Amino acid sequence: IERSQTLGWRALELEVVEGHERAAALYQR
């Protein structure tokens, strides 16, 4: 996130495989 902001990127996007709630919770945090 910090590097993307430094580069002037507008957003970061990703996907989560269904059933990987632990990973989804990490991303939401």
PDB file of all heavy atoms in Angstrom:
ATOM      1  N   ILE A   1       0.845  -1.203   0.000  1.00  0.00           N
ATOM      2  CA  ILE A   1       0.000   0.000   0.000  1.00  0.00           C
ATOM      3  C   ILE A   1       0.879   1.251   0.000  1.00  0.00           C
ATOM      4  O   ILE A   1       0.671   2.179  -0.798  1.00  0.00           O
ATOM      5  CB  ILE A   1      -0.961  -0.024   1.204  1.00  0.00           C
ATOM      6  CG1 ILE A   1      -2.023  -1.111   1.013  1.00  0.00           C
ATOM      7  CG2 ILE A   1      -1.609   1.352   1.421  1.00  0.00           C
ATOM      8  CD1 ILE A   1      -2.820  -1.436   2.262  1.00  0.00           C
ATOM      9  N   GLU A   2       1.870   1.267   0.873  1.00  0.00           N
ATOM     10  CA  GLU A   2       2.762   2.435   0.953  1.00  0.00           C
ATOM     11  C   GLU A   2       3.533   2.642  -0.343  1.00  0.00           C
ATOM     12  O   GLU A   2       3.638   3.760  -0.840  1.00  0.00           O
ATOM     13  CB  GLU A   2       3.712   2.274   2.140  1.00  0.00           C
ATOM     14  CG  GLU A   2       2.987   2.369   3.470  1.00  0.00           C
ATOM     15  CD  GLU A   2       3.831   1.948   4.661  1.00  0.00           C
ATOM     16  OE1 GLU A   2       5.055   1.720   4.506  1.00  0.00           O
ATOM     17  OE2 GLU A   2       3.250   1.834   5.768  1.00  0.00           O
ATOM     18  N   ARG A   3       4.059   1.573  -0.904  1.00  0.00           N
ATOM     19  CA  ARG A   3       4.814   1.698  -2.165  1.00  0.00           C
ATOM     20  C   ARG A   3       3.897   2.173  -3.293  1.00  0.00           C
ATOM     21  O   ARG A   3       4.274   3.009  -4.116  1.00  0.00           O
ATOM     22  CB  ARG A   3       5.460   0.364  -2.516  1.00  0.00           C
ATOM     23  CG  ARG A   3       6.367   0.468  -3.732  1.00  0.00           C
ATOM     24  CD  ARG A   3       7.075  -0.849  -3.971  1.00  0.00           C
ATOM     25  NE  ARG A   3       8.010  -0.691  -5.061  1.00  0.00           N
ATOM     26  CZ  ARG A   3       9.306  -0.893  -4.964  1.00  0.00           C
ATOM     27  NH1 ARG A   3       9.831  -1.238  -3.824  1.00  0.00           N
ATOM     28  NH2 ARG A   3      10.079  -0.746  -6.019  1.00  0.00           N
ATOM     29  N   SER A   4       2.675   1.651  -3.337  1.00  0.00           N
ATOM     30  CA  SER A   4       1.711   2.050  -4.366  1.00  0.00           C
ATOM     31  C   SER A   4       1.371   3.528  -4.256  1.00  0.00           C
ATOM     32  O   SER A   4       1.258   4.227  -5.271  1.00  0.00           O
ATOM     33  CB  SER A   4       0.436   1.205  -4.248  1.00  0.00           C
ATOM     34  OG  SER A   4       0.744  -0.153  -4.442  1.00  0.00           O
ATOM     35  N   GLN A   5       1.220   4.006  -3.044  1.00  0.00           N
ATOM     36  CA  GLN A   5       0.949   5.433  -2.841  1.00  0.00           C
ATOM     37  C   GLN A   5       2.131   6.269  -3.303  1.00  0.00           C
ATOM     38  O   GLN A   5       1.954   7.291  -3.970  1.00  0.00           O
ATOM     39  CB  GLN A   5       0.630   5.709  -1.371  1.00  0.00           C
ATOM     40  CG  GLN A   5      -0.717   5.172  -0.951  1.00  0.00           C
ATOM     41  CD  GLN A   5      -0.948   5.260   0.547  1.00  0.00           C
ATOM     42  OE1 GLN A   5      -0.034   5.110   1.353  1.00  0.00           O
ATOM     43  NE2 GLN A   5      -2.194   5.513   0.923  1.00  0.00           N
ATOM     44  N   THR A   6       3.340   5.832  -2.977  1.00  0.00           N
ATOM     45  CA  THR A   6       4.550   6.541  -3.408  1.00  0.00           C
ATOM     46  C   THR A   6       4.635   6.602  -4.933  1.00  0.00           C
ATOM     47  O   THR A   6       5.060   7.613  -5.496  1.00  0.00           O
ATOM     48  CB  THR A   6       5.804   5.849  -2.835  1.00  0.00           C
ATOM     49  OG1 THR A   6       5.724   5.879  -1.415  1.00  0.00           O
ATOM     50  CG2 THR A   6       7.078   6.524  -3.294  1.00  0.00           C
ATOM     51  N   LEU A   7       4.209   5.529  -5.589  1.00  0.00           N
ATOM     52  CA  LEU A   7       4.236   5.473  -7.059  1.00  0.00           C
ATOM     53  C   LEU A   7       3.100   6.261  -7.703  1.00  0.00           C
ATOM     54  O   LEU A   7       3.069   6.417  -8.915  1.00  0.00           O
ATOM     55  CB  LEU A   7       4.161   4.010  -7.523  1.00  0.00           C
ATOM     56  CG  LEU A   7       5.379   3.145  -7.193  1.00  0.00           C
ATOM     57  CD1 LEU A   7       5.090   1.675  -7.467  1.00  0.00           C
ATOM     58  CD2 LEU A   7       6.598   3.617  -7.983  1.00  0.00           C
ATOM     59  N   GLY A   8       2.155   6.740  -6.895  1.00  0.00           N
ATOM     60  CA  GLY A   8       1.025   7.492  -7.441  1.00  0.00           C
ATOM     61  C   GLY A   8      -0.088   6.624  -7.993  1.00  0.00           C
ATOM     62  O   GLY A   8      -0.940   7.102  -8.738  1.00  0.00           O
ATOM     63  N   TRP A   9      -0.089   5.339  -7.637  1.00  0.00           N
ATOM     64  CA  TRP A   9      -1.154   4.459  -8.102  1.00  0.00           C
ATOM     65  C   TRP A   9      -2.470   4.879  -7.465  1.00  0.00           C
ATOM     66  O   TRP A   9      -2.506   5.379  -6.349  1.00  0.00           O
ATOM     67  CB  TRP A   9      -0.846   3.018  -7.762  1.00  0.00           C
ATOM     68  CG  TRP A   9       0.295   2.417  -8.535  1.00  0.00           C
ATOM     69  CD1 TRP A   9       1.124   3.042  -9.422  1.00  0.00           C
ATOM     70  CD2 TRP A   9       0.739   1.070  -8.470  1.00  0.00           C
ATOM     71  NE1 TRP A   9       2.046   2.162  -9.912  1.00  0.00           N
ATOM     72  CE2 TRP A   9       1.841   0.942  -9.342  1.00  0.00           C
ATOM     73  CE3 TRP A   9       0.329  -0.039  -7.761  1.00  0.00           C
ATOM     74  CZ2 TRP A   9       2.529  -0.255  -9.528  1.00  0.00           C
ATOM     75  CZ3 TRP A   9       1.003  -1.243  -7.936  1.00  0.00           C
ATOM     76  CH2 TRP A   9       2.091  -1.345  -8.820  1.00  0.00           C
ATOM     77  N   ARG A  10      -3.572   4.680  -8.165  1.00  0.00           N
ATOM     78  CA  ARG A  10      -4.897   5.096  -7.712  1.00  0.00           C
ATOM     79  C   ARG A  10      -5.593   4.076  -6.823  1.00  0.00           C
ATOM     80  O   ARG A  10      -6.463   4.434  -6.040  1.00  0.00           O
ATOM     81  CB  ARG A  10      -5.802   5.374  -8.921  1.00  0.00           C
ATOM     82  CG  ARG A  10      -5.282   6.410  -9.888  1.00  0.00           C
ATOM     83  CD  ARG A  10      -5.379   7.780  -9.244  1.00  0.00           C
ATOM     84  NE  ARG A  10      -4.942   8.783 -10.174  1.00  0.00           N
ATOM     85  CZ  ARG A  10      -5.699   9.785 -10.588  1.00  0.00           C
ATOM     86  NH1 ARG A  10      -6.928   9.912 -10.172  1.00  0.00           N
ATOM     87  NH2 ARG A  10      -5.204  10.653 -11.426  1.00  0.00           N
ATOM     88  N   ALA A  11      -5.248   2.811  -6.959  1.00  0.00           N
ATOM     89  CA  ALA A  11      -5.913   1.756  -6.190  1.00  0.00           C
ATOM     90  C   ALA A  11      -5.061   0.498  -6.238  1.00  0.00           C
ATOM     91  O   ALA A  11      -4.164   0.372  -7.069  1.00  0.00           O
ATOM     92  CB  ALA A  11      -7.298   1.463  -6.783  1.00  0.00           C
ATOM     93  N   LEU A  12      -5.372  -0.403  -5.327  1.00  0.00           N
ATOM     94  CA  LEU A  12      -4.844  -1.762  -5.366  1.00  0.00           C
ATOM     95  C   LEU A  12      -6.043  -2.692  -5.386  1.00  0.00           C
ATOM     96  O   LEU A  12      -7.012  -2.471  -4.664  1.00  0.00           O
ATOM     97  CB  LEU A  12      -4.015  -2.073  -4.110  1.00  0.00           C
ATOM     98  CG  LEU A  12      -2.559  -1.674  -4.125  1.00  0.00           C
ATOM     99  CD1 LEU A  12      -1.933  -1.917  -2.754  1.00  0.00           C
ATOM    100  CD2 LEU A  12      -1.785  -2.415  -5.192  1.00  0.00           C
ATOM    101  N   GLU A  13      -5.972  -3.710  -6.217  1.00  0.00           N
ATOM    102  CA  GLU A  13      -7.059  -4.677  -6.331  1.00  0.00           C
ATOM    103  C   GLU A  13      -6.478  -6.079  -6.170  1.00  0.00           C
ATOM    104  O   GLU A  13      -5.294  -6.306  -6.407  1.00  0.00           O
ATOM    105  CB  GLU A  13      -7.758  -4.547  -7.688  1.00  0.00           C
ATOM    106  CG  GLU A  13      -8.406  -3.187  -7.873  1.00  0.00           C
ATOM    107  CD  GLU A  13      -9.043  -2.993  -9.240  1.00  0.00           C
ATOM    108  OE1 GLU A  13      -8.511  -3.528 -10.239  1.00  0.00           O
ATOM    109  OE2 GLU A  13     -10.068  -2.316  -9.291  1.00  0.00           O
ATOM    110  N   LEU A  14      -7.340  -7.007  -5.773  1.00  0.00           N
ATOM    111  CA  LEU A  14      -6.928  -8.399  -5.642  1.00  0.00           C
ATOM    112  C   LEU A  14      -8.159  -9.272  -5.674  1.00  0.00           C
ATOM    113  O   LEU A  14      -9.286  -8.780  -5.696  1.00  0.00           O
ATOM    114  CB  LEU A  14      -6.138  -8.625  -4.345  1.00  0.00           C
ATOM    115  CG  LEU A  14      -6.748  -8.162  -3.019  1.00  0.00           C
ATOM    116  CD1 LEU A  14      -7.816  -9.095  -2.497  1.00  0.00           C
ATOM    117  CD2 LEU A  14      -5.655  -8.017  -1.992  1.00  0.00           C
ATOM    118  N   GLU A  15      -7.934 -10.566  -5.696  1.00  0.00           N
ATOM    119  CA  GLU A  15      -9.032 -11.522  -5.630  1.00  0.00           C
ATOM    120  C   GLU A  15      -8.768 -12.487  -4.486  1.00  0.00           C
ATOM    121  O   GLU A  15      -7.623 -12.669  -4.080  1.00  0.00           O
ATOM    122  CB  GLU A  15      -9.190 -12.295  -6.931  1.00  0.00           C
ATOM    123  CG  GLU A  15      -8.048 -13.252  -7.215  1.00  0.00           C
ATOM    124  CD  GLU A  15      -8.204 -14.003  -8.525  1.00  0.00           C
ATOM    125  OE1 GLU A  15      -9.102 -13.691  -9.306  1.00  0.00           O
ATOM    126  OE2 GLU A  15      -7.384 -14.905  -8.756  1.00  0.00           O
ATOM    127  N   VAL A  16      -9.826 -13.070  -3.979  1.00  0.00           N
ATOM    128  CA  VAL A  16      -9.724 -14.061  -2.916  1.00  0.00           C
ATOM    129  C   VAL A  16     -10.469 -15.305  -3.374  1.00  0.00           C
ATOM    130  O   VAL A  16     -11.616 -15.215  -3.816  1.00  0.00           O
ATOM    131  CB  VAL A  16     -10.349 -13.551  -1.595  1.00  0.00           C
ATOM    132  CG1 VAL A  16     -10.240 -14.598  -0.500  1.00  0.00           C
ATOM    133  CG2 VAL A  16      -9.698 -12.252  -1.162  1.00  0.00           C
ATOM    134  N   VAL A  17      -9.820 -16.436  -3.278  1.00  0.00           N
ATOM    135  CA  VAL A  17     -10.455 -17.693  -3.630  1.00  0.00           C
ATOM    136  C   VAL A  17     -11.537 -17.977  -2.598  1.00  0.00           C
ATOM    137  O   VAL A  17     -11.335 -17.789  -1.390  1.00  0.00           O
ATOM    138  CB  VAL A  17      -9.413 -18.840  -3.648  1.00  0.00           C
ATOM    139  CG1 VAL A  17     -10.073 -20.184  -3.904  1.00  0.00           C
ATOM    140  CG2 VAL A  17      -8.350 -18.552  -4.698  1.00  0.00           C
ATOM    141  N   GLU A  18     -12.704 -18.409  -3.085  1.00  0.00           N
ATOM    142  CA  GLU A  18     -13.798 -18.739  -2.173  1.00  0.00           C
ATOM    143  C   GLU A  18     -13.328 -19.740  -1.137  1.00  0.00           C
ATOM    144  O   GLU A  18     -12.589 -20.672  -1.442  1.00  0.00           O
ATOM    145  CB  GLU A  18     -14.985 -19.297  -2.961  1.00  0.00           C
ATOM    146  CG  GLU A  18     -15.734 -18.221  -3.721  1.00  0.00           C
ATOM    147  CD  GLU A  18     -17.031 -18.742  -4.328  1.00  0.00           C
ATOM    148  OE1 GLU A  18     -17.719 -19.534  -3.669  1.00  0.00           O
ATOM    149  OE2 GLU A  18     -17.312 -18.334  -5.462  1.00  0.00           O
ATOM    150  N   GLY A  19     -13.758 -19.525   0.095  1.00  0.00           N
ATOM    151  CA  GLY A  19     -13.374 -20.408   1.175  1.00  0.00           C
ATOM    152  C   GLY A  19     -12.141 -19.946   1.936  1.00  0.00           C
ATOM    153  O   GLY A  19     -11.773 -20.538   2.940  1.00  0.00           O
ATOM    154  N   HIS A  20     -11.484 -18.883   1.468  1.00  0.00           N
ATOM    155  CA  HIS A  20     -10.288 -18.359   2.145  1.00  0.00           C
ATOM    156  C   HIS A  20     -10.668 -17.139   2.985  1.00  0.00           C
ATOM    157  O   HIS A  20     -10.187 -16.037   2.768  1.00  0.00           O
ATOM    158  CB  HIS A  20      -9.203 -18.010   1.134  1.00  0.00           C
ATOM    159  CG  HIS A  20      -8.542 -19.201   0.546  1.00  0.00           C
ATOM    160  ND1 HIS A  20      -7.560 -19.120  -0.391  1.00  0.00           N
ATOM    161  CD2 HIS A  20      -8.710 -20.527   0.782  1.00  0.00           C
ATOM    162  CE1 HIS A  20      -7.162 -20.337  -0.734  1.00  0.00           C
ATOM    163  NE2 HIS A  20      -7.844 -21.198  -0.033  1.00  0.00           N
ATOM    164  N   GLU A  21     -11.543 -17.372   3.960  1.00  0.00           N
ATOM    165  CA  GLU A  21     -12.027 -16.280   4.794  1.00  0.00           C
ATOM    166  C   GLU A  21     -10.916 -15.625   5.614  1.00  0.00           C
ATOM    167  O   GLU A  21     -10.959 -14.433   5.877  1.00  0.00           O
ATOM    168  CB  GLU A  21     -13.168 -16.759   5.711  1.00  0.00           C
ATOM    169  CG  GLU A  21     -14.528 -16.753   5.031  1.00  0.00           C
ATOM    170  CD  GLU A  21     -14.662 -17.760   3.898  1.00  0.00           C
ATOM    171  OE1 GLU A  21     -14.024 -18.835   3.955  1.00  0.00           O
ATOM    172  OE2 GLU A  21     -15.378 -17.463   2.929  1.00  0.00           O
ATOM    173  N   ARG A  22      -9.936 -16.420   6.012  1.00  0.00           N
ATOM    174  CA  ARG A  22      -8.820 -15.857   6.783  1.00  0.00           C
ATOM    175  C   ARG A  22      -8.078 -14.805   5.962  1.00  0.00           C
ATOM    176  O   ARG A  22      -7.747 -13.735   6.460  1.00  0.00           O
ATOM    177  CB  ARG A  22      -7.882 -16.981   7.215  1.00  0.00           C
ATOM    178  CG  ARG A  22      -6.784 -16.534   8.121  1.00  0.00           C
ATOM    179  CD  ARG A  22      -5.978 -17.715   8.629  1.00  0.00           C
ATOM    180  NE  ARG A  22      -4.842 -17.250   9.376  1.00  0.00           N
ATOM    181  CZ  ARG A  22      -3.809 -17.992   9.681  1.00  0.00           C
ATOM    182  NH1 ARG A  22      -3.769 -19.258   9.321  1.00  0.00           N
ATOM    183  NH2 ARG A  22      -2.804 -17.503  10.363  1.00  0.00           N
ATOM    184  N   ALA A  23      -7.849 -15.102   4.694  1.00  0.00           N
ATOM    185  CA  ALA A  23      -7.186 -14.138   3.815  1.00  0.00           C
ATOM    186  C   ALA A  23      -8.082 -12.929   3.593  1.00  0.00           C
ATOM    187  O   ALA A  23      -7.616 -11.781   3.635  1.00  0.00           O
ATOM    188  CB  ALA A  23      -6.833 -14.786   2.480  1.00  0.00           C
ATOM    189  N   ALA A  24      -9.373 -13.154   3.377  1.00  0.00           N
ATOM    190  CA  ALA A  24     -10.307 -12.043   3.162  1.00  0.00           C
ATOM    191  C   ALA A  24     -10.319 -11.113   4.370  1.00  0.00           C
ATOM    192  O   ALA A  24     -10.329  -9.877   4.223  1.00  0.00           O
ATOM    193  CB  ALA A  24     -11.705 -12.572   2.868  1.00  0.00           C
ATOM    194  N   ALA A  25     -10.299 -11.675   5.569  1.00  0.00           N
ATOM    195  CA  ALA A  25     -10.294 -10.850   6.784  1.00  0.00           C
ATOM    196  C   ALA A  25      -9.017 -10.010   6.859  1.00  0.00           C
ATOM    197  O   ALA A  25      -9.065  -8.835   7.255  1.00  0.00           O
ATOM    198  CB  ALA A  25     -10.429 -11.741   8.015  1.00  0.00           C
ATOM    199  N   LEU A  26      -7.901 -10.584   6.462  1.00  0.00           N
ATOM    200  CA  LEU A  26      -6.639  -9.835   6.438  1.00  0.00           C
ATOM    201  C   LEU A  26      -6.757  -8.638   5.507  1.00  0.00           C
ATOM    202  O   LEU A  26      -6.402  -7.514   5.856  1.00  0.00           O
ATOM    203  CB  LEU A  26      -5.490 -10.755   6.001  1.00  0.00           C
ATOM    204  CG  LEU A  26      -4.153 -10.068   5.700  1.00  0.00           C
ATOM    205  CD1 LEU A  26      -3.539  -9.483   6.962  1.00  0.00           C
ATOM    206  CD2 LEU A  26      -3.201 -11.057   5.043  1.00  0.00           C
ATOM    207  N   TYR A  27      -7.280  -8.862   4.318  1.00  0.00           N
ATOM    208  CA  TYR A  27      -7.396  -7.772   3.345  1.00  0.00           C
ATOM    209  C   TYR A  27      -8.338  -6.691   3.856  1.00  0.00           C
ATOM    210  O   TYR A  27      -8.072  -5.496   3.709  1.00  0.00           O
ATOM    211  CB  TYR A  27      -7.867  -8.315   1.993  1.00  0.00           C
ATOM    212  CG  TYR A  27      -6.961  -9.394   1.430  1.00  0.00           C
ATOM    213  CD1 TYR A  27      -7.482 -10.504   0.784  1.00  0.00           C
ATOM    214  CD2 TYR A  27      -5.578  -9.317   1.558  1.00  0.00           C
ATOM    215  CE1 TYR A  27      -6.665 -11.500   0.277  1.00  0.00           C
ATOM    216  CE2 TYR A  27      -4.751 -10.316   1.063  1.00  0.00           C
ATOM    217  CZ  TYR A  27      -5.290 -11.400   0.431  1.00  0.00           C
ATOM    218  OH  TYR A  27      -4.475 -12.382  -0.063  1.00  0.00           O
ATOM    219  N   GLN A  28      -9.427  -7.080   4.456  1.00  0.00           N
ATOM    220  CA  GLN A  28     -10.377  -6.096   4.981  1.00  0.00           C
ATOM    221  C   GLN A  28      -9.745  -5.272   6.096  1.00  0.00           C
ATOM    222  O   GLN A  28      -9.995  -4.071   6.180  1.00  0.00           O
ATOM    223  CB  GLN A  28     -11.653  -6.786   5.446  1.00  0.00           C
ATOM    224  CG  GLN A  28     -12.465  -7.291   4.261  1.00  0.00           C
ATOM    225  CD  GLN A  28     -13.657  -8.138   4.670  1.00  0.00           C
ATOM    226  OE1 GLN A  28     -13.616  -8.849   5.666  1.00  0.00           O
ATOM    227  NE2 GLN A  28     -14.713  -8.073   3.873  1.00  0.00           N
ATOM    228  N   ARG A  29      -8.922  -5.874   6.928  1.00  0.00           N
ATOM    229  CA  ARG A  29      -8.227  -5.118   7.983  1.00  0.00           C
ATOM    230  C   ARG A  29      -7.305  -4.059   7.404  1.00  0.00           C
ATOM    231  O   ARG A  29      -6.976  -3.083   8.070  1.00  0.00           O
ATOM    232  CB  ARG A  29      -7.423  -6.062   8.879  1.00  0.00           C
ATOM    233  CG  ARG A  29      -8.249  -6.857   9.847  1.00  0.00           C
ATOM    234  CD  ARG A  29      -7.396  -7.503  10.934  1.00  0.00           C
ATOM    235  NE  ARG A  29      -6.331  -8.359  10.457  1.00  0.00           N
ATOM    236  CZ  ARG A  29      -6.446  -9.663  10.165  1.00  0.00           C
ATOM    237  NH1 ARG A  29      -7.622 -10.253  10.294  1.00  0.00           N
ATOM    238  NH2 ARG A  29      -5.408 -10.361   9.763  1.00  0.00           N
TER     239      ARG A  29
END
